[in-house]
Amino acid sequence: MRTWLLLGLLLGLVVTAGCATMVKTPAEVHSTYRQALDADLRQMSEDWNVLWLADRQYRLTRWYTR
């Protein structure tokens, strides 16, 4: 009975853990960082354009327009 209980507990622990312990290779980490940096640089360009377009508000409407 004790053996079955330990076996069941061990099997439950293995099933619960699953693939949570897998890590990325250094090449995958580098690729992830490169994609994040590319997205950040694209967003910075958009933010810069919004900054210059929002310099002065349009005076004929009371709503904010870009």
PDB file of N, CA and C in Angstrom:
ATOM      1  N   MET A   1       0.826  -1.192   0.000  1.00  0.00           N
ATOM      2  CA  MET A   1       0.000   0.000   0.000  1.00  0.00           C
ATOM      3  C   MET A   1       0.869   1.255   0.000  1.00  0.00           C
ATOM      4  N   ARG A   2       1.906   1.261   0.794  1.00  0.00           N
ATOM      5  CA  ARG A   2       2.794   2.414   0.869  1.00  0.00           C
ATOM      6  C   ARG A   2       3.524   2.620  -0.463  1.00  0.00           C
ATOM      7  N   THR A   3       3.887   1.536  -1.102  1.00  0.00           N
ATOM      8  CA  THR A   3       4.574   1.620  -2.386  1.00  0.00           C
ATOM      9  C   THR A   3       3.665   2.255  -3.431  1.00  0.00           C
ATOM     10  N   TRP A   4       2.399   1.851  -3.451  1.00  0.00           N
ATOM     11  CA  TRP A   4       1.452   2.420  -4.412  1.00  0.00           C
ATOM     12  C   TRP A   4       1.212   3.903  -4.136  1.00  0.00           C
ATOM     13  N   LEU A   5       1.171   4.266  -2.887  1.00  0.00           N
ATOM     14  CA  LEU A   5       0.966   5.667  -2.516  1.00  0.00           C
ATOM     15  C   LEU A   5       2.163   6.514  -2.963  1.00  0.00           C
ATOM     16  N   LEU A   6       3.377   6.038  -2.714  1.00  0.00           N
ATOM     17  CA  LEU A   6       4.566   6.760  -3.149  1.00  0.00           C
ATOM     18  C   LEU A   6       4.664   6.835  -4.665  1.00  0.00           C
ATOM     19  N   LEU A   7       4.321   5.734  -5.330  1.00  0.00           N
ATOM     20  CA  LEU A   7       4.330   5.732  -6.788  1.00  0.00           C
ATOM     21  C   LEU A   7       3.304   6.715  -7.352  1.00  0.00           C
ATOM     22  N   GLY A   8       2.114   6.737  -6.781  1.00  0.00           N
ATOM     23  CA  GLY A   8       1.079   7.681  -7.209  1.00  0.00           C
ATOM     24  C   GLY A   8       1.490   9.120  -6.955  1.00  0.00           C
ATOM     25  N   LEU A   9       2.129   9.379  -5.803  1.00  0.00           N
ATOM     26  CA  LEU A   9       2.586  10.722  -5.483  1.00  0.00           C
ATOM     27  C   LEU A   9       3.683  11.166  -6.455  1.00  0.00           C
ATOM     28  N   LEU A  10       4.608  10.270  -6.756  1.00  0.00           N
ATOM     29  CA  LEU A  10       5.668  10.580  -7.697  1.00  0.00           C
ATOM     30  C   LEU A  10       5.120  10.813  -9.097  1.00  0.00           C
ATOM     31  N   LEU A  11       4.179  10.001  -9.522  1.00  0.00           N
ATOM     32  CA  LEU A  11       3.563  10.178 -10.832  1.00  0.00           C
ATOM     33  C   LEU A  11       2.794  11.502 -10.899  1.00  0.00           C
ATOM     34  N   GLY A  12       2.080  11.845  -9.843  1.00  0.00           N
ATOM     35  CA  GLY A  12       1.364  13.120  -9.804  1.00  0.00           C
ATOM     36  C   GLY A  12       2.307  14.312  -9.862  1.00  0.00           C
ATOM     37  N   LEU A  13       3.464  14.213  -9.205  1.00  0.00           N
ATOM     38  CA  LEU A  13       4.448  15.276  -9.231  1.00  0.00           C
ATOM     39  C   LEU A  13       5.038  15.443 -10.632  1.00  0.00           C
ATOM     40  N   VAL A  14       5.308  14.344 -11.311  1.00  0.00           N
ATOM     41  CA  VAL A  14       5.860  14.402 -12.669  1.00  0.00           C
ATOM     42  C   VAL A  14       4.841  15.003 -13.627  1.00  0.00           C
ATOM     43  N   VAL A  15       3.583  14.599 -13.500  1.00  0.00           N
ATOM     44  CA  VAL A  15       2.541  15.122 -14.393  1.00  0.00           C
ATOM     45  C   VAL A  15       2.316  16.599 -14.131  1.00  0.00           C
ATOM     46  N   THR A  16       2.352  17.011 -12.878  1.00  0.00           N
ATOM     47  CA  THR A  16       2.133  18.418 -12.538  1.00  0.00           C
ATOM     48  C   THR A  16       3.277  19.290 -13.042  1.00  0.00           C
ATOM     49  N   ALA A  17       4.512  18.813 -12.918  1.00  0.00           N
ATOM     50  CA  ALA A  17       5.672  19.607 -13.335  1.00  0.00           C
ATOM     51  C   ALA A  17       5.689  19.773 -14.851  1.00  0.00           C
ATOM     52  N   GLY A  18       5.412  18.738 -15.580  1.00  0.00           N
ATOM     53  CA  GLY A  18       5.368  18.808 -17.040  1.00  0.00           C
ATOM     54  C   GLY A  18       6.650  19.327 -17.628  1.00  0.00           C
ATOM     55  N   CYS A  19       6.543  20.275 -18.520  1.00  0.00           N
ATOM     56  CA  CYS A  19       7.718  20.833 -19.184  1.00  0.00           C
ATOM     57  C   CYS A  19       8.092  22.190 -18.607  1.00  0.00           C
ATOM     58  N   ALA A  20       7.708  22.456 -17.387  1.00  0.00           N
ATOM     59  CA  ALA A  20       7.965  23.754 -16.788  1.00  0.00           C
ATOM     60  C   ALA A  20       9.441  24.002 -16.541  1.00  0.00           C
ATOM     61  N   THR A  21      10.231  22.953 -16.524  1.00  0.00           N
ATOM     62  CA  THR A  21      11.646  23.134 -16.227  1.00  0.00           C
ATOM     63  C   THR A  21      12.496  23.295 -17.466  1.00  0.00           C
ATOM     64  N   MET A  22      11.899  23.316 -18.646  1.00  0.00           N
ATOM     65  CA  MET A  22      12.681  23.451 -19.872  1.00  0.00           C
ATOM     66  C   MET A  22      13.132  24.899 -20.015  1.00  0.00           C
ATOM     67  N   VAL A  23      14.326  25.093 -20.508  1.00  0.00           N
ATOM     68  CA  VAL A  23      14.882  26.431 -20.683  1.00  0.00           C
ATOM     69  C   VAL A  23      15.149  26.683 -22.158  1.00  0.00           C
ATOM     70  N   LYS A  24      15.344  27.952 -22.478  1.00  0.00           N
ATOM     71  CA  LYS A  24      15.671  28.319 -23.854  1.00  0.00           C
ATOM     72  C   LYS A  24      17.170  28.213 -24.066  1.00  0.00           C
ATOM     73  N   THR A  25      17.527  27.939 -25.285  1.00  0.00           N
ATOM     74  CA  THR A  25      18.945  27.927 -25.637  1.00  0.00           C
ATOM     75  C   THR A  25      19.421  29.378 -25.748  1.00  0.00           C
ATOM     76  N   PRO A  26      20.721  29.616 -25.660  1.00  0.00           N
ATOM     77  CA  PRO A  26      21.217  30.997 -25.798  1.00  0.00           C
ATOM     78  C   PRO A  26      20.824  31.648 -27.128  1.00  0.00           C
ATOM     79  N   ALA A  27      20.743  30.872 -28.181  1.00  0.00           N
ATOM     80  CA  ALA A  27      20.325  31.434 -29.470  1.00  0.00           C
ATOM     81  C   ALA A  27      18.861  31.880 -29.427  1.00  0.00           C
ATOM     82  N   GLU A  28      18.008  31.106 -28.751  1.00  0.00           N
ATOM     83  CA  GLU A  28      16.598  31.490 -28.629  1.00  0.00           C
ATOM     84  C   GLU A  28      16.437  32.728 -27.758  1.00  0.00           C
ATOM     85  N   VAL A  29      17.220  32.831 -26.697  1.00  0.00           N
ATOM     86  CA  VAL A  29      17.167  34.024 -25.844  1.00  0.00           C
ATOM     87  C   VAL A  29      17.606  35.250 -26.634  1.00  0.00           C
ATOM     88  N   HIS A  30      18.679  35.114 -27.408  1.00  0.00           N
ATOM     89  CA  HIS A  30      19.156  36.220 -28.232  1.00  0.00           C
ATOM     90  C   HIS A  30      18.094  36.634 -29.258  1.00  0.00           C
ATOM     91  N   SER A  31      17.431  35.673 -29.859  1.00  0.00           N
ATOM     92  CA  SER A  31      16.380  35.971 -30.823  1.00  0.00           C
ATOM     93  C   SER A  31      15.208  36.689 -30.160  1.00  0.00           C
ATOM     94  N   THR A  32      14.847  36.267 -28.962  1.00  0.00           N
ATOM     95  CA  THR A  32      13.755  36.919 -28.233  1.00  0.00           C
ATOM     96  C   THR A  32      14.106  38.364 -27.912  1.00  0.00           C
ATOM     97  N   TYR A  33      15.333  38.596 -27.437  1.00  0.00           N
ATOM     98  CA  TYR A  33      15.771  39.961 -27.139  1.00  0.00           C
ATOM     99  C   TYR A  33      15.817  40.821 -28.389  1.00  0.00           C
ATOM    100  N   ARG A  34      16.262  40.231 -29.505  1.00  0.00           N
ATOM    101  CA  ARG A  34      16.339  40.981 -30.757  1.00  0.00           C
ATOM    102  C   ARG A  34      14.936  41.390 -31.226  1.00  0.00           C
ATOM    103  N   GLN A  35      13.969  40.497 -31.091  1.00  0.00           N
ATOM    104  CA  GLN A  35      12.595  40.828 -31.487  1.00  0.00           C
ATOM    105  C   GLN A  35      12.007  41.904 -30.589  1.00  0.00           C
ATOM    106  N   ALA A  36      12.285  41.830 -29.289  1.00  0.00           N
ATOM    107  CA  ALA A  36      11.784  42.845 -28.366  1.00  0.00           C
ATOM    108  C   ALA A  36      12.413  44.205 -28.660  1.00  0.00           C
ATOM    109  N   LEU A  37      13.714  44.219 -28.941  1.00  0.00           N
ATOM    110  CA  LEU A  37      14.392  45.470 -29.263  1.00  0.00           C
ATOM    111  C   LEU A  37      13.848  46.058 -30.558  1.00  0.00           C
ATOM    112  N   ASP A  38      13.593  45.227 -31.552  1.00  0.00           N
ATOM    113  CA  ASP A  38      13.036  45.702 -32.814  1.00  0.00           C
ATOM    114  C   ASP A  38      11.662  46.328 -32.598  1.00  0.00           C
ATOM    115  N   ALA A  39      10.830  45.681 -31.789  1.00  0.00           N
ATOM    116  CA  ALA A  39       9.501  46.234 -31.504  1.00  0.00           C
ATOM    117  C   ALA A  39       9.619  47.546 -30.740  1.00  0.00           C
ATOM    118  N   ASP A  40      10.560  47.631 -29.789  1.00  0.00           N
ATOM    119  CA  ASP A  40      10.751  48.868 -29.030  1.00  0.00           C
ATOM    120  C   ASP A  40      11.216  50.009 -29.927  1.00  0.00           C
ATOM    121  N   LEU A  41      12.125  49.724 -30.849  1.00  0.00           N
ATOM    122  CA  LEU A  41      12.601  50.772 -31.750  1.00  0.00           C
ATOM    123  C   LEU A  41      11.504  51.247 -32.690  1.00  0.00           C
ATOM    124  N   ARG A  42      10.675  50.331 -33.160  1.00  0.00           N
ATOM    125  CA  ARG A  42       9.540  50.743 -34.005  1.00  0.00           C
ATOM    126  C   ARG A  42       8.559  51.608 -33.217  1.00  0.00           C
ATOM    127  N   GLN A  43       8.304  51.240 -31.966  1.00  0.00           N
ATOM    128  CA  GLN A  43       7.386  52.020 -31.148  1.00  0.00           C
ATOM    129  C   GLN A  43       7.974  53.389 -30.823  1.00  0.00           C
ATOM    130  N   MET A  44       9.301  53.460 -30.628  1.00  0.00           N
ATOM    131  CA  MET A  44       9.931  54.744 -30.346  1.00  0.00           C
ATOM    132  C   MET A  44       9.756  55.688 -31.533  1.00  0.00           C
ATOM    133  N   SER A  45       9.849  55.163 -32.730  1.00  0.00           N
ATOM    134  CA  SER A  45       9.624  55.976 -33.913  1.00  0.00           C
ATOM    135  C   SER A  45       8.194  56.515 -33.942  1.00  0.00           C
ATOM    136  N   GLU A  46       7.236  55.673 -33.622  1.00  0.00           N
ATOM    137  CA  GLU A  46       5.843  56.114 -33.579  1.00  0.00           C
ATOM    138  C   GLU A  46       5.632  57.157 -32.481  1.00  0.00           C
ATOM    139  N   ASP A  47       6.248  56.949 -31.322  1.00  0.00           N
ATOM    140  CA  ASP A  47       6.118  57.913 -30.230  1.00  0.00           C
ATOM    141  C   ASP A  47       6.718  59.262 -30.607  1.00  0.00           C
ATOM    142  N   TRP A  48       7.841  59.238 -31.323  1.00  0.00           N
ATOM    143  CA  TRP A  48       8.468  60.479 -31.757  1.00  0.00           C
ATOM    144  C   TRP A  48       7.541  61.234 -32.713  1.00  0.00           C
ATOM    145  N   ASN A  49       6.896  60.526 -33.625  1.00  0.00           N
ATOM    146  CA  ASN A  49       5.961  61.170 -34.551  1.00  0.00           C
ATOM    147  C   ASN A  49       4.764  61.760 -33.813  1.00  0.00           C
ATOM    148  N   VAL A  50       4.252  61.036 -32.824  1.00  0.00           N
ATOM    149  CA  VAL A  50       3.126  61.545 -32.041  1.00  0.00           C
ATOM    150  C   VAL A  50       3.539  62.786 -31.265  1.00  0.00           C
ATOM    151  N   LEU A  51       4.754  62.799 -30.749  1.00  0.00           N
ATOM    152  CA  LEU A  51       5.248  63.952 -30.004  1.00  0.00           C
ATOM    153  C   LEU A  51       5.245  65.202 -30.869  1.00  0.00           C
ATOM    154  N   TRP A  52       5.720  65.099 -32.088  1.00  0.00           N
ATOM    155  CA  TRP A  52       5.787  66.271 -32.940  1.00  0.00           C
ATOM    156  C   TRP A  52       4.420  66.673 -33.484  1.00  0.00           C
ATOM    157  N   LEU A  53       3.541  65.716 -33.690  1.00  0.00           N
ATOM    158  CA  LEU A  53       2.205  66.065 -34.178  1.00  0.00           C
ATOM    159  C   LEU A  53       1.333  66.655 -33.084  1.00  0.00           C
ATOM    160  N   ALA A  54       1.626  66.364 -31.836  1.00  0.00           N
ATOM    161  CA  ALA A  54       0.824  66.871 -30.720  1.00  0.00           C
ATOM    162  C   ALA A  54       1.398  68.174 -30.177  1.00  0.00           C
ATOM    163  N   ASP A  55       2.221  68.865 -30.955  1.00  0.00           N
ATOM    164  CA  ASP A  55       2.841  70.100 -30.500  1.00  0.00           C
ATOM    165  C   ASP A  55       1.791  71.171 -30.208  1.00  0.00           C
ATOM    166  N   ARG A  56       0.867  71.340 -31.125  1.00  0.00           N
ATOM    167  CA  ARG A  56      -0.171  72.333 -30.946  1.00  0.00           C
ATOM    168  C   ARG A  56      -1.514  71.692 -31.306  1.00  0.00           C
ATOM    169  N   GLN A  57      -2.495  71.883 -30.478  1.00  0.00           N
ATOM    170  CA  GLN A  57      -3.797  71.277 -30.753  1.00  0.00           C
ATOM    171  C   GLN A  57      -4.531  72.045 -31.838  1.00  0.00           C
ATOM    172  N   TYR A  58      -5.379  71.325 -32.516  1.00  0.00           N
ATOM    173  CA  TYR A  58      -6.229  71.921 -33.532  1.00  0.00           C
ATOM    174  C   TYR A  58      -7.291  72.757 -32.831  1.00  0.00           C
ATOM    175  N   ARG A  59      -7.500  73.972 -33.235  1.00  0.00           N
ATOM    176  CA  ARG A  59      -8.332  74.897 -32.461  1.00  0.00           C
ATOM    177  C   ARG A  59      -9.828  74.859 -32.817  1.00  0.00           C
ATOM    178  N   LEU A  60     -10.209  74.205 -33.885  1.00  0.00           N
ATOM    179  CA  LEU A  60     -11.603  74.244 -34.298  1.00  0.00           C
ATOM    180  C   LEU A  60     -12.457  73.168 -33.639  1.00  0.00           C
ATOM    181  N   THR A  61     -11.856  72.279 -32.883  1.00  0.00           N
ATOM    182  CA  THR A  61     -12.623  71.237 -32.203  1.00  0.00           C
ATOM    183  C   THR A  61     -12.192  71.192 -30.748  1.00  0.00           C
ATOM    184  N   ARG A  62     -13.097  70.787 -29.881  1.00  0.00           N
ATOM    185  CA  ARG A  62     -12.728  70.698 -28.469  1.00  0.00           C
ATOM    186  C   ARG A  62     -12.166  69.331 -28.106  1.00  0.00           C
ATOM    187  N   TRP A  63     -12.215  68.372 -29.048  1.00  0.00           N
ATOM    188  CA  TRP A  63     -11.668  67.037 -28.803  1.00  0.00           C
ATOM    189  C   TRP A  63     -10.225  66.973 -29.254  1.00  0.00           C
ATOM    190  N   TYR A  64      -9.462  66.162 -28.594  1.00  0.00           N
ATOM    191  CA  TYR A  64      -8.053  65.979 -28.944  1.00  0.00           C
ATOM    192  C   TYR A  64      -7.934  65.232 -30.264  1.00  0.00           C
ATOM    193  N   THR A  65      -7.213  65.799 -31.194  1.00  0.00           N
ATOM    194  CA  THR A  65      -6.985  65.149 -32.480  1.00  0.00           C
ATOM    195  C   THR A  65      -5.488  65.141 -32.762  1.00  0.00           C
ATOM    196  N   ARG A  66      -5.049  64.143 -33.493  1.00  0.00           N
ATOM    197  CA  ARG A  66      -3.637  64.089 -33.880  1.00  0.00           C
ATOM    198  C   ARG A  66      -3.506  64.405 -35.344  1.00  0.00           C
TER     199      ARG A  66
END
